[in-house]
Amino acid sequence: MQDRPDANILLEAIQDFLIKEVMPEVRGNDLLSYKTLVSWNMLGVISREFKSGEALLNKEIGRLVGFFQDDKISGAANTYQEKLQLCRQLNENLSQEIRQKKISVENREVWNLVRDSVKEKLEISNPRYSSPD
């Protein structure tokens, strides 16, 4: 782990390089322009995930644990990777419950749970997206 520059500063520098120096050079090549823009966007996703991914992950796990009413679950994950795995498992459990019980969008608790999780994921993948609450 380095003190300076941190990962976000490095990612932003690479993004800046791609847009300001690489894009003008590849403008005539549609494929390279597209790949450059995709790369620029992916670096933004990584940067946003570094900045707020774990906080949003903790919120999602909290909502899911609250839904399943099982406080013991959240203590099982300490590292970021363990939290990701736990969140995936809880979401799989939620998906199974929705299918098995045929839960519809009229169930406000489940709808709000899923909506909030999707909204937070979009904050990472596409911060320009916003939905009315």
N, C-alpha and C. Protein backbone atom coordinates (compact mmCIF):
# COMPACT_ATOMS: atom_id res chain seq x y z
N MET A 1 0.86 -1.18 0.00
CA MET A 1 0.00 0.00 0.00
C MET A 1 0.90 1.23 0.00
N GLN A 2 0.59 2.11 -0.89
CA GLN A 2 1.34 3.36 -1.00
C GLN A 2 0.58 4.48 -0.31
N ASP A 3 1.33 5.50 0.12
CA ASP A 3 0.67 6.67 0.70
C ASP A 3 0.16 7.59 -0.39
N ARG A 4 1.05 7.98 -1.29
CA ARG A 4 0.69 8.89 -2.38
C ARG A 4 1.42 8.47 -3.63
N PRO A 5 0.86 8.50 -4.76
CA PRO A 5 -0.56 8.74 -4.99
C PRO A 5 -1.37 7.50 -4.67
N ASP A 6 -2.59 7.72 -4.20
CA ASP A 6 -3.44 6.57 -3.89
C ASP A 6 -4.09 6.04 -5.17
N ALA A 7 -4.79 4.94 -5.04
CA ALA A 7 -5.37 4.26 -6.20
C ALA A 7 -6.32 5.17 -6.98
N ASN A 8 -7.12 5.96 -6.27
CA ASN A 8 -8.06 6.83 -6.97
C ASN A 8 -7.35 7.90 -7.80
N ILE A 9 -6.30 8.45 -7.28
CA ILE A 9 -5.53 9.46 -8.02
C ILE A 9 -4.91 8.83 -9.26
N LEU A 10 -4.39 7.62 -9.12
CA LEU A 10 -3.82 6.92 -10.27
C LEU A 10 -4.89 6.61 -11.33
N LEU A 11 -6.03 6.14 -10.89
CA LEU A 11 -7.11 5.84 -11.83
C LEU A 11 -7.57 7.09 -12.57
N GLU A 12 -7.70 8.19 -11.84
CA GLU A 12 -8.11 9.45 -12.48
C GLU A 12 -7.05 9.95 -13.46
N ALA A 13 -5.79 9.72 -13.14
CA ALA A 13 -4.72 10.12 -14.06
C ALA A 13 -4.77 9.31 -15.35
N ILE A 14 -5.04 8.03 -15.23
CA ILE A 14 -5.15 7.19 -16.43
C ILE A 14 -6.38 7.60 -17.24
N GLN A 15 -7.49 7.87 -16.57
CA GLN A 15 -8.68 8.35 -17.27
C GLN A 15 -8.39 9.64 -18.03
N ASP A 16 -7.73 10.56 -17.36
CA ASP A 16 -7.38 11.84 -17.97
C ASP A 16 -6.49 11.62 -19.20
N PHE A 17 -5.52 10.74 -19.08
CA PHE A 17 -4.63 10.41 -20.20
C PHE A 17 -5.42 9.85 -21.37
N LEU A 18 -6.33 8.93 -21.10
CA LEU A 18 -7.12 8.32 -22.17
C LEU A 18 -7.95 9.35 -22.92
N ILE A 19 -8.61 10.22 -22.20
CA ILE A 19 -9.50 11.20 -22.84
C ILE A 19 -8.73 12.32 -23.51
N LYS A 20 -7.70 12.83 -22.87
CA LYS A 20 -7.01 14.00 -23.40
C LYS A 20 -5.92 13.67 -24.43
N GLU A 21 -5.28 12.50 -24.28
CA GLU A 21 -4.16 12.21 -25.18
C GLU A 21 -4.44 11.06 -26.16
N VAL A 22 -5.10 10.02 -25.69
CA VAL A 22 -5.34 8.88 -26.56
C VAL A 22 -6.52 9.13 -27.50
N MET A 23 -7.63 9.64 -26.97
CA MET A 23 -8.82 9.85 -27.81
C MET A 23 -8.55 10.70 -29.04
N PRO A 24 -7.86 11.82 -28.92
CA PRO A 24 -7.60 12.61 -30.14
C PRO A 24 -6.81 11.83 -31.19
N GLU A 25 -5.97 10.90 -30.76
CA GLU A 25 -5.13 10.15 -31.68
C GLU A 25 -5.89 9.00 -32.37
N VAL A 26 -6.98 8.54 -31.77
CA VAL A 26 -7.70 7.40 -32.33
C VAL A 26 -9.08 7.78 -32.88
N ARG A 27 -9.36 9.06 -32.97
CA ARG A 27 -10.69 9.52 -33.41
C ARG A 27 -11.12 8.93 -34.75
N GLY A 28 -10.22 8.75 -35.67
CA GLY A 28 -10.58 8.22 -36.97
C GLY A 28 -10.83 6.72 -36.98
N ASN A 29 -10.49 6.06 -35.91
CA ASN A 29 -10.64 4.61 -35.81
C ASN A 29 -11.79 4.31 -34.84
N ASP A 30 -12.94 3.96 -35.39
CA ASP A 30 -14.13 3.75 -34.55
C ASP A 30 -13.92 2.69 -33.48
N LEU A 31 -13.26 1.60 -33.84
CA LEU A 31 -13.06 0.52 -32.87
C LEU A 31 -12.16 0.98 -31.72
N LEU A 32 -11.05 1.62 -32.03
CA LEU A 32 -10.15 2.09 -30.98
C LEU A 32 -10.79 3.21 -30.15
N SER A 33 -11.58 4.07 -30.78
CA SER A 33 -12.28 5.12 -30.03
C SER A 33 -13.24 4.48 -29.04
N TYR A 34 -13.99 3.50 -29.52
CA TYR A 34 -14.94 2.80 -28.67
C TYR A 34 -14.23 2.12 -27.50
N LYS A 35 -13.15 1.40 -27.79
CA LYS A 35 -12.41 0.70 -26.74
C LYS A 35 -11.80 1.68 -25.74
N THR A 36 -11.37 2.82 -26.22
CA THR A 36 -10.80 3.84 -25.33
C THR A 36 -11.89 4.38 -24.40
N LEU A 37 -13.06 4.66 -24.94
CA LEU A 37 -14.16 5.15 -24.10
C LEU A 37 -14.63 4.10 -23.10
N VAL A 38 -14.68 2.85 -23.52
CA VAL A 38 -15.07 1.78 -22.61
C VAL A 38 -14.03 1.66 -21.49
N SER A 39 -12.75 1.74 -21.84
CA SER A 39 -11.69 1.66 -20.84
C SER A 39 -11.79 2.82 -19.86
N TRP A 40 -12.03 4.02 -20.39
CA TRP A 40 -12.19 5.21 -19.54
C TRP A 40 -13.35 5.01 -18.57
N ASN A 41 -14.46 4.48 -19.07
CA ASN A 41 -15.63 4.24 -18.23
C ASN A 41 -15.35 3.18 -17.17
N MET A 42 -14.68 2.09 -17.54
CA MET A 42 -14.37 1.03 -16.58
C MET A 42 -13.48 1.55 -15.45
N LEU A 43 -12.54 2.42 -15.79
CA LEU A 43 -11.68 3.01 -14.75
C LEU A 43 -12.52 3.86 -13.79
N GLY A 44 -13.54 4.54 -14.32
CA GLY A 44 -14.45 5.30 -13.45
C GLY A 44 -15.22 4.41 -12.51
N VAL A 45 -15.68 3.26 -13.01
CA VAL A 45 -16.39 2.31 -12.16
C VAL A 45 -15.48 1.82 -11.04
N ILE A 46 -14.25 1.48 -11.39
CA ILE A 46 -13.30 1.00 -10.38
C ILE A 46 -13.04 2.08 -9.35
N SER A 47 -12.87 3.31 -9.79
CA SER A 47 -12.62 4.42 -8.88
C SER A 47 -13.79 4.63 -7.92
N ARG A 48 -15.01 4.61 -8.44
CA ARG A 48 -16.19 4.78 -7.58
C ARG A 48 -16.34 3.61 -6.62
N GLU A 49 -15.98 2.42 -7.08
CA GLU A 49 -16.07 1.26 -6.19
C GLU A 49 -15.05 1.39 -5.04
N PHE A 50 -13.85 1.88 -5.35
CA PHE A 50 -12.87 2.13 -4.29
C PHE A 50 -13.41 3.14 -3.29
N LYS A 51 -14.05 4.18 -3.79
CA LYS A 51 -14.50 5.27 -2.93
C LYS A 51 -15.69 4.88 -2.05
N SER A 52 -16.68 4.22 -2.63
CA SER A 52 -17.89 3.99 -1.85
C SER A 52 -18.44 2.57 -1.93
N GLY A 53 -17.74 1.69 -2.59
CA GLY A 53 -18.25 0.33 -2.75
C GLY A 53 -18.48 -0.42 -1.46
N GLU A 54 -17.53 -0.34 -0.53
CA GLU A 54 -17.68 -1.11 0.70
C GLU A 54 -18.79 -0.53 1.58
N ALA A 55 -18.92 0.78 1.61
CA ALA A 55 -20.00 1.39 2.41
C ALA A 55 -21.36 0.98 1.86
N LEU A 56 -21.50 0.99 0.53
CA LEU A 56 -22.76 0.58 -0.07
C LEU A 56 -23.00 -0.92 0.12
N LEU A 57 -21.94 -1.70 0.07
CA LEU A 57 -22.05 -3.14 0.31
C LEU A 57 -22.53 -3.40 1.73
N ASN A 58 -21.97 -2.67 2.69
CA ASN A 58 -22.39 -2.83 4.09
C ASN A 58 -23.87 -2.48 4.26
N LYS A 59 -24.34 -1.43 3.57
CA LYS A 59 -25.75 -1.06 3.64
C LYS A 59 -26.63 -2.16 3.06
N GLU A 60 -26.21 -2.72 1.93
CA GLU A 60 -27.00 -3.79 1.31
C GLU A 60 -27.07 -5.01 2.21
N ILE A 61 -25.94 -5.39 2.78
CA ILE A 61 -25.92 -6.54 3.69
C ILE A 61 -26.83 -6.26 4.88
N GLY A 62 -26.77 -5.05 5.40
CA GLY A 62 -27.63 -4.68 6.53
C GLY A 62 -29.11 -4.82 6.20
N ARG A 63 -29.49 -4.36 5.01
CA ARG A 63 -30.89 -4.50 4.59
C ARG A 63 -31.29 -5.97 4.46
N LEU A 64 -30.41 -6.75 3.85
CA LEU A 64 -30.72 -8.17 3.64
C LEU A 64 -30.78 -8.93 4.97
N VAL A 65 -29.85 -8.66 5.85
CA VAL A 65 -29.86 -9.31 7.17
C VAL A 65 -31.14 -8.91 7.91
N GLY A 66 -31.51 -7.63 7.81
CA GLY A 66 -32.74 -7.18 8.44
C GLY A 66 -33.97 -7.87 7.86
N PHE A 67 -33.96 -8.06 6.56
CA PHE A 67 -35.08 -8.73 5.90
C PHE A 67 -35.21 -10.17 6.40
N PHE A 68 -34.06 -10.86 6.45
CA PHE A 68 -34.07 -12.25 6.90
C PHE A 68 -34.09 -12.35 8.42
N GLN A 69 -33.98 -11.22 9.10
CA GLN A 69 -34.01 -11.13 10.56
C GLN A 69 -33.03 -12.10 11.20
N ASP A 70 -31.78 -12.00 10.75
CA ASP A 70 -30.73 -12.88 11.27
C ASP A 70 -29.46 -12.07 11.48
N ASP A 71 -29.26 -11.58 12.70
CA ASP A 71 -28.10 -10.75 13.01
C ASP A 71 -26.79 -11.52 12.92
N LYS A 72 -26.83 -12.83 13.10
CA LYS A 72 -25.61 -13.62 13.10
C LYS A 72 -24.92 -13.63 11.74
N ILE A 73 -25.67 -13.40 10.69
CA ILE A 73 -25.11 -13.49 9.34
C ILE A 73 -24.02 -12.45 9.12
N SER A 74 -24.25 -11.19 9.51
CA SER A 74 -23.31 -10.12 9.19
C SER A 74 -21.96 -10.32 9.87
N GLY A 75 -21.91 -10.99 11.00
CA GLY A 75 -20.65 -11.22 11.69
C GLY A 75 -19.75 -12.21 10.98
N ALA A 76 -20.28 -12.91 9.99
CA ALA A 76 -19.51 -13.93 9.30
C ALA A 76 -18.56 -13.36 8.26
N ALA A 77 -18.68 -12.09 7.96
CA ALA A 77 -17.87 -11.50 6.90
C ALA A 77 -17.09 -10.31 7.44
N ASN A 78 -15.76 -10.39 7.31
CA ASN A 78 -14.91 -9.31 7.78
C ASN A 78 -14.21 -8.58 6.65
N THR A 79 -13.67 -9.34 5.70
CA THR A 79 -12.95 -8.71 4.59
C THR A 79 -13.93 -8.32 3.49
N TYR A 80 -13.48 -7.47 2.60
CA TYR A 80 -14.32 -7.03 1.49
C TYR A 80 -14.78 -8.23 0.65
N GLN A 81 -13.86 -9.15 0.37
CA GLN A 81 -14.21 -10.33 -0.42
C GLN A 81 -15.23 -11.20 0.29
N GLU A 82 -15.09 -11.36 1.60
CA GLU A 82 -16.07 -12.13 2.38
C GLU A 82 -17.43 -11.45 2.36
N LYS A 83 -17.42 -10.11 2.43
CA LYS A 83 -18.68 -9.36 2.37
C LYS A 83 -19.34 -9.52 1.00
N LEU A 84 -18.54 -9.48 -0.06
CA LEU A 84 -19.10 -9.69 -1.40
C LEU A 84 -19.74 -11.06 -1.51
N GLN A 85 -19.07 -12.07 -1.01
CA GLN A 85 -19.61 -13.43 -1.06
C GLN A 85 -20.88 -13.55 -0.24
N LEU A 86 -20.88 -12.95 0.95
CA LEU A 86 -22.06 -12.99 1.80
C LEU A 86 -23.23 -12.28 1.11
N CYS A 87 -22.97 -11.14 0.52
CA CYS A 87 -24.02 -10.38 -0.16
C CYS A 87 -24.58 -11.17 -1.34
N ARG A 88 -23.71 -11.82 -2.09
CA ARG A 88 -24.18 -12.65 -3.21
C ARG A 88 -25.08 -13.78 -2.70
N GLN A 89 -24.66 -14.40 -1.60
CA GLN A 89 -25.46 -15.50 -1.05
C GLN A 89 -26.80 -15.00 -0.54
N LEU A 90 -26.81 -13.87 0.15
CA LEU A 90 -28.06 -13.31 0.65
C LEU A 90 -28.99 -12.93 -0.50
N ASN A 91 -28.42 -12.37 -1.57
CA ASN A 91 -29.23 -12.02 -2.73
C ASN A 91 -29.77 -13.27 -3.41
N GLU A 92 -28.98 -14.32 -3.44
CA GLU A 92 -29.47 -15.59 -3.99
C GLU A 92 -30.62 -16.12 -3.13
N ASN A 93 -30.47 -16.04 -1.81
CA ASN A 93 -31.54 -16.46 -0.91
C ASN A 93 -32.81 -15.63 -1.15
N LEU A 94 -32.63 -14.33 -1.35
CA LEU A 94 -33.78 -13.46 -1.62
C LEU A 94 -34.44 -13.84 -2.94
N SER A 95 -33.64 -14.10 -3.96
CA SER A 95 -34.19 -14.51 -5.25
C SER A 95 -35.00 -15.80 -5.12
N GLN A 96 -34.46 -16.75 -4.38
CA GLN A 96 -35.18 -18.01 -4.18
C GLN A 96 -36.49 -17.79 -3.44
N GLU A 97 -36.45 -16.93 -2.44
CA GLU A 97 -37.66 -16.66 -1.67
C GLU A 97 -38.72 -15.97 -2.54
N ILE A 98 -38.28 -15.03 -3.38
CA ILE A 98 -39.21 -14.35 -4.28
C ILE A 98 -39.86 -15.36 -5.22
N ARG A 99 -39.05 -16.27 -5.77
CA ARG A 99 -39.60 -17.28 -6.69
C ARG A 99 -40.51 -18.27 -5.97
N GLN A 100 -40.03 -18.79 -4.84
CA GLN A 100 -40.80 -19.82 -4.14
C GLN A 100 -42.13 -19.29 -3.60
N LYS A 101 -42.11 -18.08 -3.06
CA LYS A 101 -43.33 -17.51 -2.48
C LYS A 101 -44.11 -16.68 -3.48
N LYS A 102 -43.56 -16.59 -4.72
CA LYS A 102 -44.22 -15.81 -5.77
C LYS A 102 -44.51 -14.38 -5.30
N ILE A 103 -43.49 -13.76 -4.71
CA ILE A 103 -43.62 -12.39 -4.19
C ILE A 103 -43.70 -11.43 -5.36
N SER A 104 -44.68 -10.54 -5.34
CA SER A 104 -44.86 -9.58 -6.43
C SER A 104 -44.38 -8.19 -5.99
N VAL A 105 -44.42 -7.25 -6.92
CA VAL A 105 -43.98 -5.88 -6.62
C VAL A 105 -44.91 -5.19 -5.64
N GLU A 106 -46.07 -5.77 -5.38
CA GLU A 106 -46.97 -5.19 -4.38
C GLU A 106 -46.40 -5.34 -2.97
N ASN A 107 -45.48 -6.26 -2.79
CA ASN A 107 -44.83 -6.42 -1.49
C ASN A 107 -43.81 -5.29 -1.36
N ARG A 108 -44.21 -4.22 -0.68
CA ARG A 108 -43.38 -3.01 -0.58
C ARG A 108 -42.03 -3.28 0.09
N GLU A 109 -41.98 -4.14 1.08
CA GLU A 109 -40.72 -4.41 1.77
C GLU A 109 -39.69 -4.98 0.81
N VAL A 110 -40.09 -5.98 0.05
CA VAL A 110 -39.16 -6.60 -0.91
C VAL A 110 -38.86 -5.62 -2.04
N TRP A 111 -39.88 -4.94 -2.54
CA TRP A 111 -39.67 -3.98 -3.62
C TRP A 111 -38.65 -2.92 -3.21
N ASN A 112 -38.81 -2.34 -2.01
CA ASN A 112 -37.89 -1.30 -1.53
C ASN A 112 -36.48 -1.85 -1.34
N LEU A 113 -36.39 -3.07 -0.84
CA LEU A 113 -35.09 -3.71 -0.64
C LEU A 113 -34.35 -3.85 -1.97
N VAL A 114 -35.04 -4.39 -2.96
CA VAL A 114 -34.42 -4.60 -4.27
C VAL A 114 -34.12 -3.26 -4.95
N ARG A 115 -35.07 -2.34 -4.90
CA ARG A 115 -34.89 -1.02 -5.52
C ARG A 115 -33.68 -0.29 -4.94
N ASP A 116 -33.55 -0.28 -3.62
CA ASP A 116 -32.42 0.41 -3.00
C ASP A 116 -31.09 -0.22 -3.40
N SER A 117 -31.05 -1.53 -3.47
CA SER A 117 -29.81 -2.21 -3.87
C SER A 117 -29.44 -1.90 -5.31
N VAL A 118 -30.43 -1.93 -6.20
CA VAL A 118 -30.16 -1.63 -7.61
C VAL A 118 -29.71 -0.17 -7.76
N LYS A 119 -30.38 0.72 -7.07
CA LYS A 119 -30.03 2.15 -7.13
C LYS A 119 -28.58 2.37 -6.69
N GLU A 120 -28.16 1.72 -5.62
CA GLU A 120 -26.79 1.87 -5.13
C GLU A 120 -25.78 1.26 -6.10
N LYS A 121 -26.14 0.16 -6.73
CA LYS A 121 -25.24 -0.43 -7.73
C LYS A 121 -25.07 0.51 -8.91
N LEU A 122 -26.15 1.17 -9.29
CA LEU A 122 -26.06 2.14 -10.39
C LEU A 122 -25.23 3.36 -10.01
N GLU A 123 -25.19 3.72 -8.74
CA GLU A 123 -24.32 4.82 -8.31
C GLU A 123 -22.87 4.51 -8.63
N ILE A 124 -22.52 3.24 -8.59
CA ILE A 124 -21.16 2.81 -8.91
C ILE A 124 -20.97 2.68 -10.41
N SER A 125 -21.87 1.98 -11.08
CA SER A 125 -21.66 1.69 -12.50
C SER A 125 -22.01 2.86 -13.41
N ASN A 126 -22.99 3.65 -13.06
CA ASN A 126 -23.39 4.77 -13.91
C ASN A 126 -23.99 5.88 -13.05
N PRO A 127 -23.15 6.76 -12.52
CA PRO A 127 -23.65 7.78 -11.59
C PRO A 127 -24.58 8.80 -12.25
N ARG A 128 -24.62 8.84 -13.57
CA ARG A 128 -25.52 9.77 -14.26
C ARG A 128 -26.96 9.26 -14.24
N TYR A 129 -27.13 7.97 -13.96
CA TYR A 129 -28.47 7.41 -13.90
C TYR A 129 -29.10 7.81 -12.58
N SER A 130 -30.33 8.23 -12.65
CA SER A 130 -31.08 8.47 -11.42
C SER A 130 -32.52 8.10 -11.69
N SER A 131 -33.15 7.58 -10.68
CA SER A 131 -34.54 7.19 -10.84
C SER A 131 -35.38 7.95 -9.83
N PRO A 132 -36.62 8.23 -10.19
CA PRO A 132 -37.50 8.85 -9.20
C PRO A 132 -37.81 7.87 -8.09
N ASP A 133 -37.83 8.35 -6.87
CA ASP A 133 -38.12 7.47 -5.72
C ASP A 133 -39.55 7.29 -5.54
